[in-house]
Protein backbone atom coordinates (compact mmCIF):
# COMPACT_ATOMS: atom_id res chain seq x y z
CA UNK A 1 93.58 96.47 106.39
CA UNK A 2 91.66 98.68 108.84
CA UNK A 3 94.71 100.92 109.20
CA UNK A 4 94.96 101.26 105.40
CA UNK A 5 91.26 102.21 105.10
CA UNK A 6 91.66 104.86 107.82
CA UNK A 7 94.74 106.31 106.12
CA UNK A 8 92.92 106.50 102.76
CA UNK A 9 89.92 108.26 104.35
CA UNK A 10 92.20 110.70 106.14
CA UNK A 11 94.12 111.39 102.94
CA UNK A 12 90.86 112.04 101.04
CA UNK A 13 89.74 114.51 103.72
CA UNK A 14 93.04 116.37 103.62
CA UNK A 15 92.95 116.58 99.82
CA UNK A 16 89.34 117.83 99.78
CA UNK A 17 89.82 120.49 102.48
CA UNK A 18 92.86 121.77 100.64
CA UNK A 19 91.06 122.11 97.32
CA UNK A 20 90.00 125.36 95.76
CA UNK A 21 86.25 126.06 95.52
CA UNK A 22 86.37 125.16 91.84
CA UNK A 23 87.97 121.78 92.56
CA UNK A 24 85.50 121.10 95.36
CA UNK A 25 82.63 121.70 92.97
CA UNK A 26 84.12 119.23 90.52
CA UNK A 27 84.37 116.65 93.31
CA UNK A 28 80.83 117.21 94.59
CA UNK A 29 79.25 116.49 91.20
CA UNK A 30 75.85 117.80 90.15
CA UNK A 31 74.76 119.45 86.92
CA UNK A 32 77.01 121.85 85.06
CA UNK A 33 76.48 124.30 82.24
CA UNK A 34 74.40 127.45 81.75
CA UNK A 35 70.65 128.05 81.71
CA UNK A 36 69.39 131.42 80.46
CA UNK A 37 66.00 132.90 81.39
CA UNK A 38 64.35 136.21 80.45
CA UNK A 39 60.94 137.82 80.33
CA UNK A 40 58.06 138.80 82.58
CA UNK A 41 58.69 141.04 85.56
CA UNK A 42 55.92 139.10 87.29
CA UNK A 43 57.99 135.91 87.30
CA UNK A 44 61.38 137.51 87.87
CA UNK A 45 61.50 137.24 91.72
CA UNK A 46 60.30 133.64 91.61
CA UNK A 47 62.75 132.68 88.85
CA UNK A 48 65.61 134.24 90.82
CA UNK A 49 64.62 132.31 93.96
CA UNK A 50 64.41 129.04 92.05
CA UNK A 51 67.77 129.72 90.40
CA UNK A 52 69.41 130.38 93.77
CA UNK A 53 68.01 127.23 95.37
CA UNK A 54 68.75 124.98 92.39
CA UNK A 55 72.35 126.21 92.25
CA UNK A 56 72.81 125.23 95.91
CA UNK A 57 72.43 121.61 94.94
CA UNK A 58 74.24 122.08 91.61
CA UNK A 59 77.13 124.44 92.41
CA UNK A 60 78.74 124.03 88.98
CA UNK A 61 75.56 125.21 87.23
CA UNK A 62 75.13 128.81 86.09
CA UNK A 63 71.63 130.28 85.75
CA UNK A 64 71.25 133.77 84.26
CA UNK A 65 67.89 135.47 84.92
CA UNK A 66 66.84 138.81 83.44
CA UNK A 67 63.56 140.75 83.22
CA UNK A 68 62.08 142.92 80.48
CA UNK A 69 58.44 141.92 80.05
CA UNK A 70 56.53 138.89 78.81
CA UNK A 71 56.84 140.06 75.21
CA UNK A 72 60.62 140.07 75.45
CA UNK A 73 60.65 136.66 77.10
CA UNK A 74 58.55 135.15 74.32
CA UNK A 75 60.59 136.82 71.58
CA UNK A 76 63.88 135.76 73.18
CA UNK A 77 62.92 132.12 73.60
CA UNK A 78 61.39 131.72 70.13
CA UNK A 79 64.55 133.18 68.57
CA UNK A 80 66.71 130.87 70.73
CA UNK A 81 68.37 133.75 72.57
CA UNK A 82 67.46 132.13 75.90
CA UNK A 83 66.51 128.65 77.08
CA UNK A 84 63.39 129.73 79.00
CA UNK A 85 61.04 132.66 78.55
CA UNK A 86 58.99 133.97 81.48
CA UNK A 87 55.46 134.70 80.25
CA UNK A 88 52.71 136.12 82.47
CA UNK A 89 49.75 135.91 80.09
CA UNK A 90 48.04 133.33 77.91
CA UNK A 91 50.08 131.82 75.10
CA UNK A 92 48.78 133.08 71.75
CA UNK A 93 47.94 130.67 68.89
CA UNK A 94 50.51 132.29 66.60
CA UNK A 95 53.20 131.65 69.23
CA UNK A 96 52.20 128.00 69.47
CA UNK A 97 52.52 127.77 65.67
CA UNK A 98 56.09 129.06 66.02
CA UNK A 99 56.94 126.31 68.49
CA UNK A 100 56.07 127.76 71.91
CA UNK A 101 55.98 124.95 74.48
CA UNK A 102 55.11 125.81 78.06
CA UNK A 103 54.37 124.68 81.58
CA UNK A 104 52.43 126.68 84.16
CA UNK A 105 54.55 127.11 87.29
CA UNK A 106 52.81 129.59 89.67
CA UNK A 107 49.87 132.00 90.01
CA UNK A 108 49.71 135.66 90.93
CA UNK A 109 47.46 138.65 90.16
CA UNK A 110 47.42 142.22 88.91
CA UNK A 111 45.90 144.85 91.21
CA UNK A 112 44.89 148.49 90.54
CA UNK A 113 46.76 151.09 92.57
CA UNK A 114 46.70 154.74 93.61
CA UNK A 115 48.73 157.04 95.88
CA UNK A 116 48.29 156.44 99.61
CA UNK A 117 47.77 160.17 100.18
CA UNK A 118 45.23 160.68 97.41
CA UNK A 119 42.73 163.29 98.72
CA UNK A 120 39.89 160.84 97.97
CA UNK A 121 41.56 157.83 99.62
CA UNK A 122 38.86 157.37 102.27
CA UNK A 123 36.11 157.21 99.65
CA UNK A 124 38.24 154.92 97.48
CA UNK A 125 38.76 152.44 100.32
CA UNK A 126 35.13 152.61 101.48
CA UNK A 127 33.38 152.43 98.11
CA UNK A 128 35.95 150.83 95.85
CA UNK A 129 35.51 150.83 92.09
CA UNK A 130 33.41 148.61 89.86
CA UNK A 131 34.71 146.90 86.74
CA UNK A 132 32.81 149.51 84.70
CA UNK A 133 34.72 152.27 86.50
CA UNK A 134 38.06 150.73 85.57
CA UNK A 135 36.85 150.39 81.98
CA UNK A 136 35.85 154.06 81.98
CA UNK A 137 39.35 155.00 83.17
CA UNK A 138 41.64 152.91 80.98
CA UNK A 139 39.49 152.00 77.98
CA UNK A 140 36.97 154.80 77.44
CA UNK A 141 38.55 157.69 79.38
CA UNK A 142 35.13 158.95 80.45
CA UNK A 143 36.12 159.31 84.11
CA UNK A 144 38.55 162.21 83.96
CA UNK A 145 38.56 163.66 87.49
CA UNK A 146 38.51 162.30 91.00
CA UNK A 147 35.18 163.87 91.90
CA UNK A 148 33.56 162.05 88.96
CA UNK A 149 35.03 158.74 90.08
CA UNK A 150 34.58 158.98 93.86
CA UNK A 151 31.69 161.42 94.26
CA UNK A 152 33.86 163.69 96.41
CA UNK A 153 34.83 167.38 96.17
CA UNK A 154 38.28 166.54 94.73
CA UNK A 155 38.01 167.88 91.18
CA UNK A 156 41.64 167.33 90.18
CA UNK A 157 42.27 165.42 86.94
CA UNK A 158 43.19 161.75 87.22
CA UNK A 159 46.58 160.74 85.83
CA UNK A 160 46.27 157.30 84.24
CA UNK A 161 49.41 155.16 83.91
CA UNK A 162 49.91 152.00 81.86
CA UNK A 163 52.87 149.94 80.63
CA UNK A 164 54.97 150.98 77.66
CA UNK A 165 56.52 147.50 77.20
CA UNK A 166 54.73 144.42 75.85
CA UNK A 167 53.92 142.63 79.07
CA UNK A 168 51.65 140.16 80.77
CA UNK A 169 50.44 142.58 83.45
CA UNK A 170 49.03 145.03 80.90
CA UNK A 171 47.54 142.27 78.73
CA UNK A 172 45.97 140.63 81.79
CA UNK A 173 44.52 143.94 83.00
CA UNK A 174 43.23 144.71 79.50
CA UNK A 175 41.66 141.25 79.20
CA UNK A 176 39.81 141.86 82.46
CA UNK A 177 38.52 145.13 81.02
CA UNK A 178 37.49 143.51 77.72
CA UNK A 179 40.34 144.44 75.39
CA UNK A 180 44.03 144.08 74.59
CA UNK A 181 47.09 145.92 75.87
CA UNK A 182 46.96 148.26 72.86
CA UNK A 183 43.52 149.44 74.01
CA UNK A 184 44.78 150.74 77.36
CA UNK A 185 45.05 154.52 77.53
CA UNK A 186 47.43 156.45 79.76
CA UNK A 187 51.03 157.48 80.23
CA UNK A 188 53.25 154.54 79.25
CA UNK A 189 55.88 153.49 81.79
CA UNK A 190 58.47 150.73 81.37
CA UNK A 191 58.41 147.76 83.71
CA UNK A 192 56.63 146.86 86.93
CA UNK A 193 59.07 148.79 89.14
CA UNK A 194 58.73 151.88 86.92
CA UNK A 195 54.93 151.87 86.95
CA UNK A 196 54.79 151.42 90.73
CA UNK A 197 57.24 154.29 91.18
CA UNK A 198 55.23 156.56 88.86
CA UNK A 199 52.11 156.14 91.00
CA UNK A 200 54.11 156.54 94.22
CA UNK A 201 55.23 159.95 92.97
CA UNK A 202 51.83 161.14 91.71
CA UNK A 203 49.19 161.85 94.36
CA UNK A 204 46.48 161.91 91.64
CA UNK A 205 47.72 158.88 89.68
CA UNK A 206 46.31 155.39 89.10
CA UNK A 207 48.10 152.33 87.79
CA UNK A 208 48.27 148.54 88.06
CA UNK A 209 50.97 146.14 89.19
CA UNK A 210 51.73 142.52 89.93
CA UNK A 211 51.25 141.91 93.65
CA UNK A 212 54.96 141.38 94.29
CA UNK A 213 55.64 144.98 93.26
CA UNK A 214 52.82 146.36 95.43
CA UNK A 215 53.45 144.51 98.69
CA UNK A 216 56.69 144.72 100.68
CA UNK A 217 58.33 141.27 100.78
CA UNK A 218 59.53 141.78 104.37
CA UNK A 219 56.51 143.36 106.06
CA UNK A 220 53.75 141.93 103.87
CA UNK A 221 52.06 145.35 103.76
CA UNK A 222 51.74 147.62 100.71
CA UNK A 223 54.99 149.40 99.83
CA UNK A 224 55.39 152.94 101.07
CA UNK A 225 53.36 155.42 99.04
CA UNK A 226 51.05 152.88 97.34
CA UNK A 227 47.47 151.89 98.08
CA UNK A 228 45.42 149.17 96.36
CA UNK A 229 42.12 150.28 94.86
CA UNK A 230 39.60 147.68 96.12
CA UNK A 231 37.21 146.12 93.63
CA UNK A 232 33.48 146.43 94.28
CA UNK A 233 32.80 142.92 93.00
CA UNK A 234 29.05 142.94 93.59
CA UNK A 235 28.64 146.56 92.37
CA UNK A 236 26.63 147.66 95.41
CA UNK A 237 28.62 150.86 95.97
CA UNK A 238 30.55 149.70 99.02
CA UNK A 239 33.38 147.35 99.93
CA UNK A 240 31.74 144.60 101.95
CA UNK A 241 33.83 142.53 104.41
CA UNK A 242 34.21 139.59 101.97
CA UNK A 243 35.63 142.06 99.38
CA UNK A 244 38.11 143.62 101.81
CA UNK A 245 41.20 141.43 101.36
CA UNK A 246 43.96 143.90 100.47
CA UNK A 247 45.49 144.73 103.87
CA UNK A 248 48.41 142.30 103.59
CA UNK A 249 49.99 140.14 100.92
CA UNK A 250 48.79 137.03 102.77
CA UNK A 251 45.21 138.32 102.63
CA UNK A 252 45.17 138.80 98.87
CA UNK A 253 47.05 135.54 98.27
CA UNK A 254 44.26 133.77 100.14
CA UNK A 255 41.65 135.59 98.03
CA UNK A 256 43.45 134.53 94.83
CA UNK A 257 43.86 130.93 96.05
CA UNK A 258 40.16 130.62 96.80
CA UNK A 259 39.11 132.39 93.57
CA UNK A 260 37.45 135.26 95.47
CA UNK A 261 39.71 137.61 93.53
CA UNK A 262 38.52 137.30 89.90
CA UNK A 263 40.41 135.74 87.03
CA UNK A 264 41.59 137.71 85.23
CA UNK A 265 43.32 139.68 86.74
CA UNK A 266 44.39 136.61 88.74
CA UNK A 267 46.42 134.52 86.27
CA UNK A 268 48.80 131.63 85.64
CA UNK A 269 52.49 132.33 84.99
CA UNK A 270 54.44 130.16 82.58
CA UNK A 271 57.91 128.95 81.68
CA UNK A 272 58.11 128.79 77.87
CA UNK A 273 60.65 126.94 75.72
CA UNK A 274 61.14 126.75 71.94
CA UNK A 275 59.80 123.24 71.60
CA UNK A 276 60.10 120.61 74.30
CA UNK A 277 63.49 121.25 75.95
CA UNK A 278 66.29 119.05 74.66
CA UNK A 279 69.05 120.25 76.99
CA UNK A 280 69.23 117.91 79.96
CA UNK A 281 70.03 120.71 82.42
CA UNK A 282 66.95 122.68 81.31
CA UNK A 283 64.72 119.63 81.56
CA UNK A 284 66.12 118.73 84.99
CA UNK A 285 65.60 122.30 86.21
CA UNK A 286 61.97 122.31 85.04
CA UNK A 287 61.33 118.93 86.70
CA UNK A 288 62.77 120.30 89.94
CA UNK A 289 60.62 123.45 89.70
CA UNK A 290 57.49 121.29 89.41
CA UNK A 291 58.49 119.12 92.39
CA UNK A 292 60.90 120.28 95.11
CA UNK A 293 60.84 123.84 93.79
CA UNK A 294 57.17 124.21 94.70
CA UNK A 295 58.14 124.45 98.38
CA UNK A 296 59.59 127.96 97.81
CA UNK A 297 56.47 129.48 96.23
CA UNK A 298 54.58 130.82 99.24
CA UNK A 299 57.60 132.37 100.94
CA UNK A 300 58.37 134.25 97.72
CA UNK A 301 54.84 135.71 97.59
CA UNK A 302 53.19 133.55 94.92
CA UNK A 303 50.35 131.05 94.78
CA UNK A 304 50.82 127.38 93.83
CA UNK A 305 49.10 126.18 90.68
CA UNK A 306 46.53 123.41 90.88
CA UNK A 307 47.76 119.84 91.13
CA UNK A 308 46.32 119.15 87.68
CA UNK A 309 48.69 121.77 86.20
CA UNK A 310 51.66 120.14 87.94
CA UNK A 311 50.64 116.74 86.60
CA UNK A 312 50.22 118.15 83.10
CA UNK A 313 53.68 119.71 83.22
CA UNK A 314 55.31 116.49 84.45
CA UNK A 315 53.57 114.50 81.70
CA UNK A 316 54.76 117.00 79.09
CA UNK A 317 58.35 116.70 80.30
CA UNK A 318 58.35 112.91 80.67
CA UNK A 319 56.59 112.00 77.42
């Protein structure tokens, strides 16, 4: 009997090692099918990381992730083009009426940027800008030159950039300034990567980006050519040590986690479905994101949501 058991085990090993990858996947089990995700640039790197890790334990599963802005993600999911929409802003009442169902999965923030070699960079880093200054730039356009904004001798006109696509970053920045995305003035640029590149190429430009498009994922420092414009939170005309948390990605993540960086532009990021998900693979993926998937958040450059948000999401999925 022992000899027979050994022979059967040996035969199983030989069969498995001789299988094609496709056959091995069929033997290893796990979920199978396709999950489609689209939307916010802010969530794109995190969604890709989660997709990669989830597929490691479900090799027969296919997860397609694309970006294009929060507006596209919401439109795609409500029209059933995709299973999950990435949305990096609040969910509007009219979207809820159309069946938007969501869970909050991570946090990040939008930061204002300028060129690292801006002639006024020393004054910018020392004094920072107040909320009223940002409003004057993007909303009122009453600060038109660098000498007006920084009290320096640099009289060159400021080039203001914003987003051309319907997106969470622009809506979040506009909400912080007291308006909506449509109220933001400036040269419209598509996507987070495009806006960051526009400022990197314009020594007199200003813009705003999600932190994962401002900080280098490998070094943790701002990407080459970009500088973050510090916020003078107490409006005293100088960046005090407690307000100086932009040097590295870890520094600003800590400021967001402890609510030192204001909300907005710190914000929750959401996975949205058209109604509570009925597909088992989608539901299982979302459950994994809220549990084991949380372990990949910090290494990808995001901030975990509060435990109450996790509990809410799990209740929503399990009810």
